Amino acid sequence: MKEPMKDSQIAEKKSRKIRVALYLPLGKKRHPWQGVGGAEHRLCSIFSRMDRERYDIKVVIRGYNPEQEMKGFLEKYLTSWDMVKYVGSHFALMNYLIRERFDVVCFDDCMMLTKDGIIASCIARSKRLMMFVTVPYASWTFKKKWHEIPMLINVLLSNHLDTLYPDTKDILGRRFPKKQVSVTPCTLPMMSDYLIKRKKERIIYFAGRLVPEKNPITFVKAVIEIQASLREHGYRALICGLGEQNKVLGQMIAEAHCSDIVQLSGLRKMDEIAPFARVFCSLQSEENYPSQALLEAIASGCYCIATNVGNTSAIVKPQFGCLVDLDVKQLSEALFDCISFDASRWDYIEASAKQFALDNFSIEKASSHYQAIIDKLVMN
């Protein structure tokens, strides 16, 4: 049985800075942006804004693209790039973590990519915080049965589990009763970029990877369904993102003769779109909570139409949005309704959405949350 720490040991731990590593393995991608998404933006923002008097934070990135390329995608979410340690191989990553012997190493739920960091952390005797950031793993569902084995090893080698999705806390708690499980507060990095009052244009937009689980095809079908009404009210639809369904979406738009009001915009900076748009559609199959694109739209004062799945109802409220089934008819009806709102209704929507974001999406809540977990890990 492990002996409790003496008072002198406790005092020593409280007096020195706690050394923390946030490990982000980006994997091998043709384009650097493919390895960076909402989770990386959110975690960089949270950890870089922890109390620097109390914590010595290092963001450890293992990537295959040149460091300067990755810097362009992540620097704005960090208080300083100096806090980043960039390595280009498994060996360099493991060597660094073993040599530095951090008090706590934090990593997400990548099934295989985090293995090198977990092993190195065990060798260095660092405490390990595993953060579930994907719905299937947090709900402990796997496309292939064998995937459960490496994920199980990751969990068993972790000292604390943290999940992004409130309704998965009990799932993880029941499966791993000896593990402490917590829920991350909802967080929007760079929220001030979206809260700024802008002149709203008649724009409906979709933002995300153009892949089946995001359902951009459903969005385009719904827009085509009401294209005459959109033209009548002076609206246009933007599809922001890239992915495997890019080509088929282009064909659908061309065949429906609506390229005048529907545009495939490719990758766009959301702070140049969301604050100026009126309507946002988040149509994921399993979970919209806490989609960064959805949080950005709420903070921008957009009317948000989202699929009624998972924890989505926690952040899409009737004052500024509505929930629909993943159904073209329901979506087109919701779009048809909102384009007829009068000016006073739009003012109310914008004010309500922005206030909700201010009340619920702050970085400070999430930073305090992780600080409390890290303190507990170090003191035990």
Protein backbone atom coordinates (compact mmCIF):
# COMPACT_ATOMS: atom_id res chain seq x y z
CA MET A 1 0.00 0.00 0.00
CA LYS A 2 1.33 3.44 -0.91
CA GLU A 3 2.35 5.52 2.11
CA PRO A 4 0.69 8.94 2.50
CA MET A 5 2.90 11.96 1.81
CA LYS A 6 4.49 13.69 4.77
CA ASP A 7 3.67 17.33 5.52
CA SER A 8 7.08 18.41 4.23
CA GLN A 9 6.48 16.61 0.92
CA ILE A 10 3.08 18.25 0.54
CA ALA A 11 4.55 21.69 1.29
CA GLU A 12 7.34 21.12 -1.26
CA LYS A 13 4.87 20.14 -3.96
CA LYS A 14 2.70 23.18 -3.27
CA SER A 15 5.64 25.58 -3.36
CA ARG A 16 7.07 24.64 -6.76
CA LYS A 17 5.60 24.99 -10.21
CA ILE A 18 3.76 21.95 -11.53
CA ARG A 19 5.24 20.86 -14.85
CA VAL A 20 2.55 19.88 -17.36
CA ALA A 21 2.80 18.59 -20.93
CA LEU A 22 -0.12 18.72 -23.36
CA TYR A 23 0.71 16.10 -26.00
CA LEU A 24 -0.81 16.59 -29.48
CA PRO A 25 0.11 13.92 -32.06
CA LEU A 26 -0.99 15.20 -35.45
CA GLY A 27 -0.31 12.15 -37.59
CA LYS A 28 0.86 11.96 -41.20
CA LYS A 29 -1.31 14.13 -43.44
CA ARG A 30 -0.90 15.42 -46.96
CA HIS A 31 -2.07 18.86 -45.86
CA PRO A 32 -1.23 20.26 -42.41
CA TRP A 33 -4.76 21.58 -41.77
CA GLN A 34 -6.08 18.00 -41.92
CA GLY A 35 -4.35 17.22 -38.63
CA VAL A 36 -5.61 20.31 -36.81
CA GLY A 37 -9.21 20.84 -35.76
CA GLY A 38 -11.48 22.04 -32.99
CA ALA A 39 -9.94 19.78 -30.33
CA GLU A 40 -6.41 21.09 -30.95
CA HIS A 41 -7.59 24.71 -31.01
CA ARG A 42 -9.59 24.28 -27.82
CA LEU A 43 -6.90 22.44 -25.85
CA CYS A 44 -4.14 24.86 -26.88
CA SER A 45 -6.29 27.79 -25.76
CA ILE A 46 -7.19 26.20 -22.43
CA PHE A 47 -3.74 25.00 -21.41
CA SER A 48 -1.88 28.11 -22.54
CA ARG A 49 -4.14 30.23 -20.33
CA MET A 50 -3.56 28.35 -17.10
CA ASP A 51 -1.99 30.15 -14.15
CA ARG A 52 1.65 30.58 -15.20
CA GLU A 53 2.71 31.35 -11.64
CA ARG A 54 1.54 27.90 -10.61
CA TYR A 55 2.02 25.78 -13.77
CA ASP A 56 4.88 25.36 -16.24
CA ILE A 57 3.02 24.35 -19.42
CA LYS A 58 4.58 22.77 -22.50
CA VAL A 59 2.54 21.98 -25.60
CA VAL A 60 4.32 19.01 -27.16
CA ILE A 61 3.45 18.50 -30.81
CA ARG A 62 4.56 15.53 -32.88
CA GLY A 63 4.01 16.30 -36.55
CA TYR A 64 5.34 15.41 -39.98
CA ASN A 65 4.90 18.81 -41.62
CA PRO A 66 7.48 21.56 -41.09
CA GLU A 67 7.06 23.38 -37.80
CA GLN A 68 6.46 26.74 -39.51
CA GLU A 69 3.48 25.28 -41.39
CA MET A 70 1.88 24.05 -38.19
CA LYS A 71 2.65 27.33 -36.46
CA GLY A 72 0.37 29.10 -38.91
CA PHE A 73 -2.56 26.89 -37.86
CA LEU A 74 -2.06 26.95 -34.09
CA GLU A 75 -0.17 30.08 -33.05
CA LYS A 76 -3.27 32.28 -32.60
CA TYR A 77 -4.63 29.84 -30.00
CA LEU A 78 -1.52 30.03 -27.82
CA THR A 79 -0.32 32.86 -25.62
CA SER A 80 3.19 32.25 -27.02
CA TRP A 81 4.75 29.81 -29.50
CA ASP A 82 7.69 29.59 -27.08
CA MET A 83 5.65 27.16 -25.00
CA VAL A 84 5.65 24.66 -27.91
CA LYS A 85 8.07 21.77 -28.26
CA TYR A 86 7.82 20.45 -31.81
CA VAL A 87 9.20 16.99 -32.62
CA GLY A 88 9.13 15.02 -35.85
CA SER A 89 9.36 11.38 -34.79
CA HIS A 90 8.20 8.83 -32.22
CA PHE A 91 11.75 8.44 -30.90
CA ALA A 92 12.24 12.18 -30.41
CA LEU A 93 8.88 12.44 -28.63
CA MET A 94 9.59 9.56 -26.25
CA ASN A 95 13.11 10.76 -25.55
CA TYR A 96 11.82 14.23 -24.69
CA LEU A 97 9.06 13.08 -22.34
CA ILE A 98 11.32 10.63 -20.54
CA ARG A 99 14.10 13.18 -20.15
CA GLU A 100 11.84 15.99 -18.95
CA ARG A 101 9.86 13.86 -16.46
CA PHE A 102 6.79 16.09 -16.37
CA ASP A 103 4.54 15.91 -13.33
CA VAL A 104 1.49 15.39 -15.55
CA VAL A 105 1.14 14.49 -19.23
CA CYS A 106 -2.24 15.16 -20.88
CA PHE A 107 -3.34 13.53 -24.13
CA ASP A 108 -6.52 12.99 -26.12
CA ASP A 109 -8.27 9.76 -27.11
CA CYS A 110 -6.41 8.97 -30.33
CA MET A 111 -6.48 5.20 -30.34
CA MET A 112 -2.95 4.64 -31.67
CA LEU A 113 -1.26 8.04 -32.14
CA THR A 114 -0.85 8.70 -28.40
CA LYS A 115 0.72 5.31 -27.63
CA ASP A 116 4.29 6.66 -27.74
CA GLY A 117 3.44 9.46 -25.31
CA ILE A 118 1.62 7.16 -22.90
CA ILE A 119 4.48 4.66 -22.80
CA ALA A 120 7.07 7.42 -22.32
CA SER A 121 4.98 8.97 -19.55
CA CYS A 122 4.79 5.64 -17.75
CA ILE A 123 8.56 5.22 -17.98
CA ALA A 124 9.06 8.78 -16.67
CA ARG A 125 6.53 8.09 -13.88
CA SER A 126 4.46 11.11 -14.92
CA LYS A 127 0.79 11.18 -13.99
CA ARG A 128 -1.46 10.76 -17.01
CA LEU A 129 -4.69 12.57 -17.92
CA MET A 130 -6.67 11.13 -20.82
CA MET A 131 -9.14 13.50 -22.50
CA PHE A 132 -12.00 11.98 -24.52
CA VAL A 133 -12.73 14.35 -27.42
CA THR A 134 -14.54 12.04 -29.87
CA VAL A 135 -18.09 10.73 -29.45
CA PRO A 136 -17.54 7.03 -30.36
CA TYR A 137 -14.66 6.51 -27.96
CA ALA A 138 -16.26 8.52 -25.14
CA SER A 139 -19.40 6.40 -25.48
CA TRP A 140 -17.21 3.29 -25.81
CA THR A 141 -18.44 2.24 -29.24
CA PHE A 142 -16.06 0.99 -31.92
CA LYS A 143 -16.36 0.39 -35.66
CA LYS A 144 -14.20 -2.72 -35.32
CA LYS A 145 -14.12 -4.97 -32.27
CA TRP A 146 -10.32 -5.08 -32.07
CA HIS A 147 -10.21 -1.27 -31.70
CA GLU A 148 -11.42 -1.71 -28.14
CA ILE A 149 -8.17 -3.40 -27.07
CA PRO A 150 -5.70 -0.53 -27.71
CA MET A 151 -8.20 1.97 -26.28
CA LEU A 152 -8.63 -0.18 -23.19
CA ILE A 153 -4.85 -0.19 -22.70
CA ASN A 154 -4.78 3.61 -22.99
CA VAL A 155 -7.48 3.94 -20.34
CA LEU A 156 -5.89 1.47 -17.93
CA LEU A 157 -2.58 3.33 -18.17
CA SER A 158 -4.28 6.67 -17.38
CA ASN A 159 -4.74 8.10 -13.90
CA HIS A 160 -7.78 10.25 -14.72
CA LEU A 161 -10.39 10.32 -17.49
CA ASP A 162 -11.99 13.52 -18.72
CA THR A 163 -14.80 13.57 -21.28
CA LEU A 164 -16.11 16.38 -23.46
CA TYR A 165 -19.63 14.92 -23.57
CA PRO A 166 -21.81 15.07 -20.42
CA ASP A 167 -23.91 12.00 -21.23
CA THR A 168 -20.82 9.77 -21.53
CA LYS A 169 -19.58 10.35 -17.98
CA ASP A 170 -21.81 7.60 -16.60
CA ILE A 171 -20.87 5.25 -19.46
CA LEU A 172 -17.18 5.58 -18.66
CA GLY A 173 -17.82 5.53 -14.92
CA ARG A 174 -19.71 2.23 -15.10
CA ARG A 175 -17.11 0.62 -17.35
CA PHE A 176 -14.15 1.87 -15.31
CA PRO A 177 -15.43 2.18 -11.71
CA LYS A 178 -11.93 2.59 -10.27
CA LYS A 179 -11.16 5.60 -12.46
CA GLN A 180 -12.02 9.20 -11.69
CA VAL A 181 -14.14 10.62 -14.54
CA SER A 182 -14.89 14.32 -15.08
CA VAL A 183 -16.66 16.43 -17.73
CA THR A 184 -14.94 19.31 -19.52
CA PRO A 185 -16.80 22.64 -19.53
CA CYS A 186 -17.96 23.83 -22.94
CA THR A 187 -15.33 26.23 -24.32
CA LEU A 188 -14.89 28.56 -27.31
CA PRO A 189 -11.35 29.77 -28.07
CA MET A 190 -10.98 33.34 -29.31
CA MET A 191 -14.58 34.10 -28.39
CA SER A 192 -14.00 37.86 -28.54
CA ASP A 193 -13.48 37.56 -32.33
CA TYR A 194 -17.12 36.48 -32.67
CA LEU A 195 -18.82 38.68 -30.08
CA ILE A 196 -17.99 41.88 -31.99
CA LYS A 197 -21.13 43.48 -33.40
CA ARG A 198 -21.18 43.25 -37.21
CA LYS A 199 -23.70 44.15 -39.87
CA LYS A 200 -25.54 40.93 -40.64
CA GLU A 201 -25.92 39.81 -44.25
CA ARG A 202 -28.48 37.37 -45.63
CA ILE A 203 -26.16 34.39 -45.44
CA ILE A 204 -26.93 30.80 -44.47
CA TYR A 205 -23.81 28.73 -43.98
CA PHE A 206 -22.54 25.22 -43.32
CA ALA A 207 -19.02 24.75 -41.95
CA GLY A 208 -17.10 21.54 -41.46
CA ARG A 209 -15.39 18.68 -43.23
CA LEU A 210 -17.41 17.61 -46.26
CA VAL A 211 -17.82 14.02 -45.12
CA PRO A 212 -20.91 11.78 -44.64
CA GLU A 213 -21.10 12.13 -40.84
CA LYS A 214 -21.34 15.94 -41.17
CA ASN A 215 -24.18 15.64 -43.75
CA PRO A 216 -23.40 18.48 -46.16
CA ILE A 217 -25.52 16.67 -48.80
CA THR A 218 -28.59 17.06 -46.57
CA PHE A 219 -27.83 20.78 -46.33
CA VAL A 220 -27.57 21.20 -50.10
CA LYS A 221 -30.76 19.19 -50.72
CA ALA A 222 -32.68 21.39 -48.27
CA VAL A 223 -31.36 24.58 -49.87
CA ILE A 224 -32.29 23.31 -53.34
CA GLU A 225 -35.79 22.52 -52.03
CA ILE A 226 -36.42 26.18 -51.14
CA GLN A 227 -34.16 27.92 -53.66
CA ALA A 228 -37.01 30.03 -55.05
CA SER A 229 -37.80 31.42 -51.59
CA LEU A 230 -34.11 32.07 -50.90
CA ARG A 231 -33.86 34.12 -54.09
CA GLU A 232 -37.05 35.98 -53.23
CA HIS A 233 -35.71 36.98 -49.80
CA GLY A 234 -32.19 37.73 -51.08
CA TYR A 235 -30.39 34.89 -49.29
CA ARG A 236 -27.34 32.91 -50.36
CA ALA A 237 -25.84 29.73 -48.93
CA LEU A 238 -22.15 29.10 -48.27
CA ILE A 239 -20.57 25.68 -47.76
CA CYS A 240 -17.28 26.18 -45.95
CA GLY A 241 -14.92 23.22 -45.86
CA LEU A 242 -13.23 20.52 -47.89
CA GLY A 243 -13.61 16.77 -47.99
CA GLU A 244 -14.52 13.65 -49.93
CA GLN A 245 -18.00 14.90 -50.85
CA ASN A 246 -16.76 18.12 -52.45
CA LYS A 247 -17.22 16.83 -56.01
CA VAL A 248 -20.71 15.40 -55.55
CA LEU A 249 -21.87 18.61 -53.89
CA GLY A 250 -20.62 20.62 -56.85
CA GLN A 251 -22.52 18.34 -59.21
CA MET A 252 -25.73 18.69 -57.18
CA ILE A 253 -25.50 22.47 -57.23
CA ALA A 254 -24.86 22.55 -60.98
CA GLU A 255 -27.68 20.12 -61.81
CA ALA A 256 -30.15 22.12 -59.68
CA HIS A 257 -29.12 25.36 -61.45
CA CYS A 258 -28.62 27.17 -58.15
CA SER A 259 -24.96 28.17 -58.34
CA ASP A 260 -26.14 31.79 -58.16
CA ILE A 261 -27.20 31.31 -54.53
CA VAL A 262 -25.13 28.28 -53.35
CA GLN A 263 -21.36 28.46 -53.19
CA LEU A 264 -18.69 25.92 -52.30
CA SER A 265 -16.33 28.26 -50.45
CA GLY A 266 -13.55 25.84 -49.45
CA LEU A 267 -11.60 26.48 -46.27
CA ARG A 268 -12.52 29.82 -44.73
CA LYS A 269 -11.64 31.62 -41.53
CA MET A 270 -14.83 31.46 -39.51
CA ASP A 271 -14.28 34.86 -37.91
CA GLU A 272 -14.68 36.25 -41.44
CA ILE A 273 -17.97 34.38 -42.02
CA ALA A 274 -19.92 33.72 -38.80
CA PRO A 275 -20.18 37.31 -37.46
CA PHE A 276 -21.67 38.47 -40.77
CA ALA A 277 -24.09 35.55 -41.32
CA ARG A 278 -27.65 35.16 -40.09
CA VAL A 279 -28.14 31.36 -40.10
CA PHE A 280 -25.89 28.41 -39.36
CA CYS A 281 -26.65 24.71 -39.86
CA SER A 282 -24.94 22.00 -37.79
CA LEU A 283 -26.08 18.61 -39.06
CA GLN A 284 -23.85 15.96 -37.55
CA SER A 285 -25.19 12.42 -37.30
CA GLU A 286 -24.10 11.64 -33.75
CA GLU A 287 -23.27 14.84 -31.86
CA ASN A 288 -23.11 18.60 -32.42
CA TYR A 289 -21.95 19.32 -28.84
CA PRO A 290 -19.60 21.11 -28.50
CA SER A 291 -18.78 21.68 -32.16
CA GLN A 292 -16.46 24.67 -32.40
CA ALA A 293 -18.25 25.84 -35.54
CA LEU A 294 -21.56 25.76 -33.66
CA LEU A 295 -20.14 27.65 -30.68
CA GLU A 296 -18.67 30.24 -33.05
CA ALA A 297 -22.08 30.70 -34.69
CA ILE A 298 -23.80 31.15 -31.32
CA ALA A 299 -21.21 33.69 -30.18
CA SER A 300 -21.70 35.50 -33.50
CA GLY A 301 -25.43 35.84 -32.86
CA CYS A 302 -26.55 33.46 -35.60
CA TYR A 303 -29.82 31.55 -35.69
CA CYS A 304 -28.66 27.93 -35.32
CA ILE A 305 -30.44 24.95 -36.85
CA ALA A 306 -28.99 21.68 -35.57
CA THR A 307 -29.77 17.98 -35.63
CA ASN A 308 -31.37 16.80 -32.39
CA VAL A 309 -28.66 14.32 -31.38
CA GLY A 310 -26.50 13.74 -28.31
CA ASN A 311 -26.09 16.75 -26.04
CA THR A 312 -26.99 19.33 -28.73
CA SER A 313 -30.02 20.60 -26.79
CA ALA A 314 -27.66 21.82 -24.05
CA ILE A 315 -26.34 24.59 -26.31
CA VAL A 316 -29.00 25.21 -28.97
CA LYS A 317 -31.85 27.02 -27.24
CA PRO A 318 -35.25 28.15 -28.62
CA GLN A 319 -34.30 31.81 -28.16
CA PHE A 320 -31.75 31.55 -30.97
CA GLY A 321 -32.23 28.24 -32.75
CA CYS A 322 -34.15 25.05 -33.34
CA LEU A 323 -33.54 21.32 -33.36
CA VAL A 324 -34.53 19.08 -36.28
CA ASP A 325 -34.26 15.44 -37.25
CA LEU A 326 -31.72 14.55 -39.89
CA ASP A 327 -34.34 15.01 -42.57
CA VAL A 328 -34.32 17.19 -45.69
CA LYS A 329 -37.99 18.18 -45.32
CA GLN A 330 -37.60 19.27 -41.66
CA LEU A 331 -34.45 21.21 -42.44
CA SER A 332 -35.94 22.98 -45.46
CA GLU A 333 -39.02 23.93 -43.40
CA ALA A 334 -36.82 25.34 -40.62
CA LEU A 335 -34.84 27.36 -43.16
CA PHE A 336 -38.03 28.57 -44.85
CA ASP A 337 -39.40 29.75 -41.49
CA CYS A 338 -36.34 31.70 -40.38
CA ILE A 339 -35.76 33.61 -43.61
CA SER A 340 -39.15 35.27 -42.95
CA PHE A 341 -38.24 36.62 -39.49
CA ASP A 342 -38.66 40.37 -39.09
CA ALA A 343 -35.94 42.79 -37.94
CA SER A 344 -36.97 42.80 -34.28
CA ARG A 345 -36.82 38.98 -34.18
CA TRP A 346 -33.32 39.02 -35.64
CA ASP A 347 -32.19 41.56 -33.03
CA TYR A 348 -33.56 39.34 -30.27
CA ILE A 349 -31.87 36.24 -31.71
CA GLU A 350 -28.49 37.96 -31.96
CA ALA A 351 -28.62 39.37 -28.43
CA SER A 352 -29.82 36.08 -26.89
CA ALA A 353 -27.18 33.98 -28.63
CA LYS A 354 -24.29 36.27 -27.72
CA GLN A 355 -25.37 36.41 -24.06
CA PHE A 356 -25.62 32.63 -23.93
CA ALA A 357 -22.07 32.35 -25.28
CA LEU A 358 -20.76 34.82 -22.69
CA ASP A 359 -22.45 32.92 -19.88
CA ASN A 360 -21.35 29.44 -20.94
CA PHE A 361 -18.30 29.25 -23.23
CA SER A 362 -15.45 30.95 -21.33
CA ILE A 363 -11.88 29.63 -21.47
CA GLU A 364 -11.41 30.44 -17.79
CA LYS A 365 -13.91 27.79 -16.67
CA ALA A 366 -12.13 25.09 -18.62
CA SER A 367 -8.66 26.21 -17.45
CA SER A 368 -9.81 26.10 -13.82
CA HIS A 369 -11.32 22.67 -14.44
CA TYR A 370 -8.04 21.19 -15.69
CA GLN A 371 -6.00 22.97 -13.01
CA ALA A 372 -8.09 21.27 -10.32
CA ILE A 373 -7.57 17.83 -11.95
CA ILE A 374 -3.82 18.39 -12.29
CA ASP A 375 -3.51 19.57 -8.67
CA LYS A 376 -5.29 16.44 -7.47
CA LEU A 377 -3.11 14.15 -9.59
CA VAL A 378 0.08 15.72 -8.31
CA MET A 379 -0.95 15.67 -4.65
CA ASN A 380 -2.05 12.00 -4.71
